[in-house]
Amino acid sequence: ILTLLDGNFASHTMFVLTMNANLSSGNFEF
């Protein structure tokens, strides 16, 4: 999904993500 967020495909789009985990944890380091 990083490809999508990096802007390689989508045009004028806002992605809003919610999560319960800590973003700085090992699973979301990118």
ModelCIF file with pLDDT and N, C-alpha, C, O atoms, coordinates in Angstrom:
data_MODEL
#
_entry.id   MODEL 
#
_entity.id                         1 
_entity.type                       polymer 
_entity.pdbx_number_of_molecules   1 
#
_entity_poly.entity_id                      1 
_entity_poly.type                           'polypeptide(L)' 
_entity_poly.nstd_linkage                   no 
_entity_poly.nstd_monomer                   no 
_entity_poly.pdbx_seq_one_letter_code       ILTLLDGNFASHTMFVLTMNANLSSGNFEF 
_entity_poly.pdbx_seq_one_letter_code_can   ILTLLDGNFASHTMFVLTMNANLSSGNFEF 
_entity_poly.pdbx_strand_id                 A 
#
loop_
_entity_poly_seq.entity_id 
_entity_poly_seq.num 
_entity_poly_seq.mon_id 
_entity_poly_seq.hetero 
1 1  ILE n 
1 2  LEU n 
1 3  THR n 
1 4  LEU n 
1 5  LEU n 
1 6  ASP n 
1 7  GLY n 
1 8  ASN n 
1 9  PHE n 
1 10 ALA n 
1 11 SER n 
1 12 HIS n 
1 13 THR n 
1 14 MET n 
1 15 PHE n 
1 16 VAL n 
1 17 LEU n 
1 18 THR n 
1 19 MET n 
1 20 ASN n 
1 21 ALA n 
1 22 ASN n 
1 23 LEU n 
1 24 SER n 
1 25 SER n 
1 26 GLY n 
1 27 ASN n 
1 28 PHE n 
1 29 GLU n 
1 30 PHE n 
#
_struct_asym.id          A 
_struct_asym.entity_id   1 
#
loop_
_ma_qa_metric.id 
_ma_qa_metric.mode 
_ma_qa_metric.name 
_ma_qa_metric.software_group_id 
_ma_qa_metric.type 
1 global pLDDT . pLDDT 
2 local  pLDDT . pLDDT 
#
_ma_qa_metric_global.metric_id      1 
_ma_qa_metric_global.metric_value   76.67 
_ma_qa_metric_global.model_id       1 
_ma_qa_metric_global.ordinal_id     1 
#
loop_
_ma_qa_metric_local.label_asym_id 
_ma_qa_metric_local.label_comp_id 
_ma_qa_metric_local.label_seq_id 
_ma_qa_metric_local.metric_id 
_ma_qa_metric_local.metric_value 
_ma_qa_metric_local.model_id 
_ma_qa_metric_local.ordinal_id 
A ILE 1  2 86.00 1 1  
A LEU 2  2 84.00 1 2  
A THR 3  2 81.00 1 3  
A LEU 4  2 84.00 1 4  
A LEU 5  2 84.00 1 5  
A ASP 6  2 82.00 1 6  
A GLY 7  2 76.00 1 7  
A ASN 8  2 71.00 1 8  
A PHE 9  2 69.00 1 9  
A ALA 10 2 64.00 1 10 
A SER 11 2 73.00 1 11 
A HIS 12 2 86.00 1 12 
A THR 13 2 92.00 1 13 
A MET 14 2 94.00 1 14 
A PHE 15 2 95.00 1 15 
A VAL 16 2 95.00 1 16 
A LEU 17 2 93.00 1 17 
A THR 18 2 91.00 1 18 
A MET 19 2 87.00 1 19 
A ASN 20 2 81.00 1 20 
A ALA 21 2 63.00 1 21 
A ASN 22 2 65.00 1 22 
A LEU 23 2 56.00 1 23 
A SER 24 2 55.00 1 24 
A SER 25 2 58.00 1 25 
A GLY 26 2 58.00 1 26 
A ASN 27 2 64.00 1 27 
A PHE 28 2 68.00 1 28 
A GLU 29 2 70.00 1 29 
A PHE 30 2 75.00 1 30 
#
loop_
_atom_site.group_PDB 
_atom_site.id 
_atom_site.type_symbol 
_atom_site.label_atom_id 
_atom_site.label_alt_id 
_atom_site.label_comp_id 
_atom_site.label_asym_id 
_atom_site.label_entity_id 
_atom_site.label_seq_id 
_atom_site.pdbx_PDB_ins_code 
_atom_site.Cartn_x 
_atom_site.Cartn_y 
_atom_site.Cartn_z 
_atom_site.occupancy 
_atom_site.B_iso_or_equiv 
_atom_site.pdbx_formal_charge 
_atom_site.auth_seq_id 
_atom_site.auth_comp_id 
_atom_site.auth_asym_id 
_atom_site.auth_atom_id 
_atom_site.pdbx_PDB_model_num 
ATOM 1   N N  . ILE A 1 1  ? 0.829  -1.206 0.000  1.00 86.00 ? 1  ILE A N  1 
ATOM 2   C CA . ILE A 1 1  ? 0.000  0.000  0.000  1.00 86.00 ? 1  ILE A CA 1 
ATOM 3   C C  . ILE A 1 1  ? 0.862  1.254  0.000  1.00 86.00 ? 1  ILE A C  1 
ATOM 4   O O  . ILE A 1 1  ? 0.363  2.344  -0.283 1.00 86.00 ? 1  ILE A O  1 
ATOM 5   N N  . LEU A 1 2  ? 2.136  1.119  0.311  1.00 84.00 ? 2  LEU A N  1 
ATOM 6   C CA . LEU A 1 2  ? 3.029  2.279  0.304  1.00 84.00 ? 2  LEU A CA 1 
ATOM 7   C C  . LEU A 1 2  ? 3.090  2.915  -1.081 1.00 84.00 ? 2  LEU A C  1 
ATOM 8   O O  . LEU A 1 2  ? 3.226  4.132  -1.205 1.00 84.00 ? 2  LEU A O  1 
ATOM 9   N N  . THR A 1 3  ? 2.989  2.092  -2.115 1.00 81.00 ? 3  THR A N  1 
ATOM 10  C CA . THR A 1 3  ? 3.000  2.617  -3.494 1.00 81.00 ? 3  THR A CA 1 
ATOM 11  C C  . THR A 1 3  ? 1.861  3.603  -3.696 1.00 81.00 ? 3  THR A C  1 
ATOM 12  O O  . THR A 1 3  ? 2.018  4.624  -4.365 1.00 81.00 ? 3  THR A O  1 
ATOM 13  N N  . LEU A 1 4  ? 0.724  3.287  -3.114 1.00 84.00 ? 4  LEU A N  1 
ATOM 14  C CA . LEU A 1 4  ? -0.450 4.153  -3.235 1.00 84.00 ? 4  LEU A CA 1 
ATOM 15  C C  . LEU A 1 4  ? -0.233 5.455  -2.476 1.00 84.00 ? 4  LEU A C  1 
ATOM 16  O O  . LEU A 1 4  ? -0.527 6.533  -2.993 1.00 84.00 ? 4  LEU A O  1 
ATOM 17  N N  . LEU A 1 5  ? 0.280  5.361  -1.256 1.00 84.00 ? 5  LEU A N  1 
ATOM 18  C CA . LEU A 1 5  ? 0.468  6.554  -0.433 1.00 84.00 ? 5  LEU A CA 1 
ATOM 19  C C  . LEU A 1 5  ? 1.590  7.446  -0.962 1.00 84.00 ? 5  LEU A C  1 
ATOM 20  O O  . LEU A 1 5  ? 1.578  8.660  -0.756 1.00 84.00 ? 5  LEU A O  1 
ATOM 21  N N  . ASP A 1 6  ? 2.550  6.839  -1.638 1.00 82.00 ? 6  ASP A N  1 
ATOM 22  C CA . ASP A 1 6  ? 3.663  7.624  -2.190 1.00 82.00 ? 6  ASP A CA 1 
ATOM 23  C C  . ASP A 1 6  ? 3.264  8.438  -3.415 1.00 82.00 ? 6  ASP A C  1 
ATOM 24  O O  . ASP A 1 6  ? 4.029  9.289  -3.868 1.00 82.00 ? 6  ASP A O  1 
ATOM 25  N N  . GLY A 1 7  ? 2.075  8.185  -3.956 1.00 76.00 ? 7  GLY A N  1 
ATOM 26  C CA . GLY A 1 7  ? 1.590  9.001  -5.057 1.00 76.00 ? 7  GLY A CA 1 
ATOM 27  C C  . GLY A 1 7  ? 1.930  8.501  -6.435 1.00 76.00 ? 7  GLY A C  1 
ATOM 28  O O  . GLY A 1 7  ? 1.873  9.264  -7.400 1.00 76.00 ? 7  GLY A O  1 
ATOM 29  N N  . ASN A 1 8  ? 2.283  7.236  -6.550 1.00 71.00 ? 8  ASN A N  1 
ATOM 30  C CA . ASN A 1 8  ? 2.638  6.710  -7.872 1.00 71.00 ? 8  ASN A CA 1 
ATOM 31  C C  . ASN A 1 8  ? 1.418  6.429  -8.745 1.00 71.00 ? 8  ASN A C  1 
ATOM 32  O O  . ASN A 1 8  ? 1.548  6.256  -9.957 1.00 71.00 ? 8  ASN A O  1 
ATOM 33  N N  . PHE A 1 9  ? 0.223  6.382  -8.128 1.00 69.00 ? 9  PHE A N  1 
ATOM 34  C CA . PHE A 1 9  ? -0.981 6.103  -8.908 1.00 69.00 ? 9  PHE A CA 1 
ATOM 35  C C  . PHE A 1 9  ? -2.057 7.158  -8.712 1.00 69.00 ? 9  PHE A C  1 
ATOM 36  O O  . PHE A 1 9  ? -2.487 7.798  -9.671 1.00 69.00 ? 9  PHE A O  1 
ATOM 37  N N  . ALA A 1 10 ? -2.492 7.339  -7.477 1.00 64.00 ? 10 ALA A N  1 
ATOM 38  C CA . ALA A 1 10 ? -3.675 8.168  -7.221 1.00 64.00 ? 10 ALA A CA 1 
ATOM 39  C C  . ALA A 1 10 ? -3.425 9.632  -7.539 1.00 64.00 ? 10 ALA A C  1 
ATOM 40  O O  . ALA A 1 10 ? -2.302 10.125 -7.432 1.00 64.00 ? 10 ALA A O  1 
ATOM 41  N N  . SER A 1 11 ? -4.484 10.314 -7.931 1.00 73.00 ? 11 SER A N  1 
ATOM 42  C CA . SER A 1 11 ? -4.404 11.740 -8.245 1.00 73.00 ? 11 SER A CA 1 
ATOM 43  C C  . SER A 1 11 ? -4.809 12.546 -7.020 1.00 73.00 ? 11 SER A C  1 
ATOM 44  O O  . SER A 1 11 ? -4.282 12.332 -5.928 1.00 73.00 ? 11 SER A O  1 
ATOM 45  N N  . HIS A 1 12 ? -5.751 13.477 -7.200 1.00 86.00 ? 12 HIS A N  1 
ATOM 46  C CA . HIS A 1 12 ? -6.125 14.374 -6.102 1.00 86.00 ? 12 HIS A CA 1 
ATOM 47  C C  . HIS A 1 12 ? -6.952 13.603 -5.063 1.00 86.00 ? 12 HIS A C  1 
ATOM 48  O O  . HIS A 1 12 ? -8.183 13.608 -5.100 1.00 86.00 ? 12 HIS A O  1 
ATOM 49  N N  . THR A 1 13 ? -6.251 12.947 -4.143 1.00 92.00 ? 13 THR A N  1 
ATOM 50  C CA . THR A 1 13 ? -6.894 12.042 -3.193 1.00 92.00 ? 13 THR A CA 1 
ATOM 51  C C  . THR A 1 13 ? -6.329 12.263 -1.798 1.00 92.00 ? 13 THR A C  1 
ATOM 52  O O  . THR A 1 13 ? -5.132 12.496 -1.626 1.00 92.00 ? 13 THR A O  1 
ATOM 53  N N  . MET A 1 14 ? -7.213 12.185 -0.799 1.00 94.00 ? 14 MET A N  1 
ATOM 54  C CA . MET A 1 14 ? -6.774 12.169 0.591  1.00 94.00 ? 14 MET A CA 1 
ATOM 55  C C  . MET A 1 14 ? -7.051 10.785 1.166  1.00 94.00 ? 14 MET A C  1 
ATOM 56  O O  . MET A 1 14 ? -8.180 10.297 1.112  1.00 94.00 ? 14 MET A O  1 
ATOM 57  N N  . PHE A 1 15 ? -6.026 10.161 1.710  1.00 95.00 ? 15 PHE A N  1 
ATOM 58  C CA . PHE A 1 15 ? -6.176 8.892  2.409  1.00 95.00 ? 15 PHE A CA 1 
ATOM 59  C C  . PHE A 1 15 ? -6.194 9.170  3.911  1.00 95.00 ? 15 PHE A C  1 
ATOM 60  O O  . PHE A 1 15 ? -5.263 9.772  4.445  1.00 95.00 ? 15 PHE A O  1 
ATOM 61  N N  . VAL A 1 16 ? -7.248 8.732  4.585  1.00 95.00 ? 16 VAL A N  1 
ATOM 62  C CA . VAL A 1 16 ? -7.351 8.901  6.032  1.00 95.00 ? 16 VAL A CA 1 
ATOM 63  C C  . VAL A 1 16 ? -7.335 7.520  6.664  1.00 95.00 ? 16 VAL A C  1 
ATOM 64  O O  . VAL A 1 16 ? -8.254 6.724  6.468  1.00 95.00 ? 16 VAL A O  1 
ATOM 65  N N  . LEU A 1 17 ? -6.286 7.243  7.423  1.00 93.00 ? 17 LEU A N  1 
ATOM 66  C CA . LEU A 1 17 ? -6.111 5.945  8.059  1.00 93.00 ? 17 LEU A CA 1 
ATOM 67  C C  . LEU A 1 17 ? -6.261 6.088  9.567  1.00 93.00 ? 17 LEU A C  1 
ATOM 68  O O  . LEU A 1 17 ? -5.700 7.012  10.155 1.00 93.00 ? 17 LEU A O  1 
ATOM 69  N N  . THR A 1 18 ? -7.002 5.198  10.196 1.00 91.00 ? 18 THR A N  1 
ATOM 70  C CA . THR A 1 18 ? -7.052 5.161  11.653 1.00 91.00 ? 18 THR A CA 1 
ATOM 71  C C  . THR A 1 18 ? -6.487 3.828  12.116 1.00 91.00 ? 18 THR A C  1 
ATOM 72  O O  . THR A 1 18 ? -6.604 2.810  11.434 1.00 91.00 ? 18 THR A O  1 
ATOM 73  N N  . MET A 1 19 ? -5.874 3.860  13.288 1.00 87.00 ? 19 MET A N  1 
ATOM 74  C CA . MET A 1 19 ? -5.305 2.625  13.810 1.00 87.00 ? 19 MET A CA 1 
ATOM 75  C C  . MET A 1 19 ? -5.199 2.701  15.329 1.00 87.00 ? 19 MET A C  1 
ATOM 76  O O  . MET A 1 19 ? -5.084 3.777  15.916 1.00 87.00 ? 19 MET A O  1 
ATOM 77  N N  . ASN A 1 20 ? -5.243 1.522  15.944 1.00 81.00 ? 20 ASN A N  1 
ATOM 78  C CA . ASN A 1 20 ? -5.108 1.437  17.392 1.00 81.00 ? 20 ASN A CA 1 
ATOM 79  C C  . ASN A 1 20 ? -3.662 1.235  17.814 1.00 81.00 ? 20 ASN A C  1 
ATOM 80  O O  . ASN A 1 20 ? -3.283 1.608  18.925 1.00 81.00 ? 20 ASN A O  1 
ATOM 81  N N  . ALA A 1 21 ? -2.848 0.646  16.936 1.00 63.00 ? 21 ALA A N  1 
ATOM 82  C CA . ALA A 1 21 ? -1.453 0.369  17.265 1.00 63.00 ? 21 ALA A CA 1 
ATOM 83  C C  . ALA A 1 21 ? -0.636 1.652  17.256 1.00 63.00 ? 21 ALA A C  1 
ATOM 84  O O  . ALA A 1 21 ? -1.091 2.699  16.796 1.00 63.00 ? 21 ALA A O  1 
ATOM 85  N N  . ASN A 1 22 ? 0.565  1.544  17.769 1.00 65.00 ? 22 ASN A N  1 
ATOM 86  C CA . ASN A 1 22 ? 1.491  2.674  17.791 1.00 65.00 ? 22 ASN A CA 1 
ATOM 87  C C  . ASN A 1 22 ? 2.211  2.749  16.448 1.00 65.00 ? 22 ASN A C  1 
ATOM 88  O O  . ASN A 1 22 ? 2.813  1.768  16.010 1.00 65.00 ? 22 ASN A O  1 
ATOM 89  N N  . LEU A 1 23 ? 2.154  3.896  15.798 1.00 56.00 ? 23 LEU A N  1 
ATOM 90  C CA . LEU A 1 23 ? 2.734  4.041  14.464 1.00 56.00 ? 23 LEU A CA 1 
ATOM 91  C C  . LEU A 1 23 ? 4.239  3.823  14.465 1.00 56.00 ? 23 LEU A C  1 
ATOM 92  O O  . LEU A 1 23 ? 4.807  3.398  13.459 1.00 56.00 ? 23 LEU A O  1 
ATOM 93  N N  . SER A 1 24 ? 4.884  4.109  15.583 1.00 55.00 ? 24 SER A N  1 
ATOM 94  C CA . SER A 1 24 ? 6.334  3.964  15.641 1.00 55.00 ? 24 SER A CA 1 
ATOM 95  C C  . SER A 1 24 ? 6.770  2.542  15.976 1.00 55.00 ? 24 SER A C  1 
ATOM 96  O O  . SER A 1 24 ? 7.967  2.272  16.081 1.00 55.00 ? 24 SER A O  1 
ATOM 97  N N  . SER A 1 25 ? 5.807  1.625  16.145 1.00 58.00 ? 25 SER A N  1 
ATOM 98  C CA . SER A 1 25 ? 6.166  0.246  16.436 1.00 58.00 ? 25 SER A CA 1 
ATOM 99  C C  . SER A 1 25 ? 6.801  -0.410 15.217 1.00 58.00 ? 25 SER A C  1 
ATOM 100 O O  . SER A 1 25 ? 6.738  0.122  14.109 1.00 58.00 ? 25 SER A O  1 
ATOM 101 N N  . GLY A 1 26 ? 7.420  -1.581 15.435 1.00 58.00 ? 26 GLY A N  1 
ATOM 102 C CA . GLY A 1 26 ? 8.161  -2.239 14.371 1.00 58.00 ? 26 GLY A CA 1 
ATOM 103 C C  . GLY A 1 26 ? 7.331  -2.587 13.158 1.00 58.00 ? 26 GLY A C  1 
ATOM 104 O O  . GLY A 1 26 ? 7.864  -2.640 12.049 1.00 58.00 ? 26 GLY A O  1 
ATOM 105 N N  . ASN A 1 27 ? 6.031  -2.828 13.334 1.00 64.00 ? 27 ASN A N  1 
ATOM 106 C CA . ASN A 1 27 ? 5.188  -3.219 12.207 1.00 64.00 ? 27 ASN A CA 1 
ATOM 107 C C  . ASN A 1 27 ? 4.856  -2.059 11.274 1.00 64.00 ? 27 ASN A C  1 
ATOM 108 O O  . ASN A 1 27 ? 4.371  -2.273 10.163 1.00 64.00 ? 27 ASN A O  1 
ATOM 109 N N  . PHE A 1 28 ? 5.114  -0.833 11.720 1.00 68.00 ? 28 PHE A N  1 
ATOM 110 C CA . PHE A 1 28 ? 4.728  0.330  10.911 1.00 68.00 ? 28 PHE A CA 1 
ATOM 111 C C  . PHE A 1 28 ? 5.874  1.322  10.769 1.00 68.00 ? 28 PHE A C  1 
ATOM 112 O O  . PHE A 1 28 ? 5.657  2.529  10.660 1.00 68.00 ? 28 PHE A O  1 
ATOM 113 N N  . GLU A 1 29 ? 7.103  0.795  10.772 1.00 70.00 ? 29 GLU A N  1 
ATOM 114 C CA . GLU A 1 29 ? 8.257  1.677  10.709 1.00 70.00 ? 29 GLU A CA 1 
ATOM 115 C C  . GLU A 1 29 ? 8.335  2.454  9.401  1.00 70.00 ? 29 GLU A C  1 
ATOM 116 O O  . GLU A 1 29 ? 8.963  3.511  9.356  1.00 70.00 ? 29 GLU A O  1 
ATOM 117 N N  . PHE A 1 30 ? 7.709  1.952  8.333  1.00 75.00 ? 30 PHE A N  1 
ATOM 118 C CA . PHE A 1 30 ? 7.772  2.640  7.046  1.00 75.00 ? 30 PHE A CA 1 
ATOM 119 C C  . PHE A 1 30 ? 6.778  3.806  6.953  1.00 75.00 ? 30 PHE A C  1 
ATOM 120 O O  . PHE A 1 30 ? 6.714  4.482  5.927  1.00 75.00 ? 30 PHE A O  1 
#
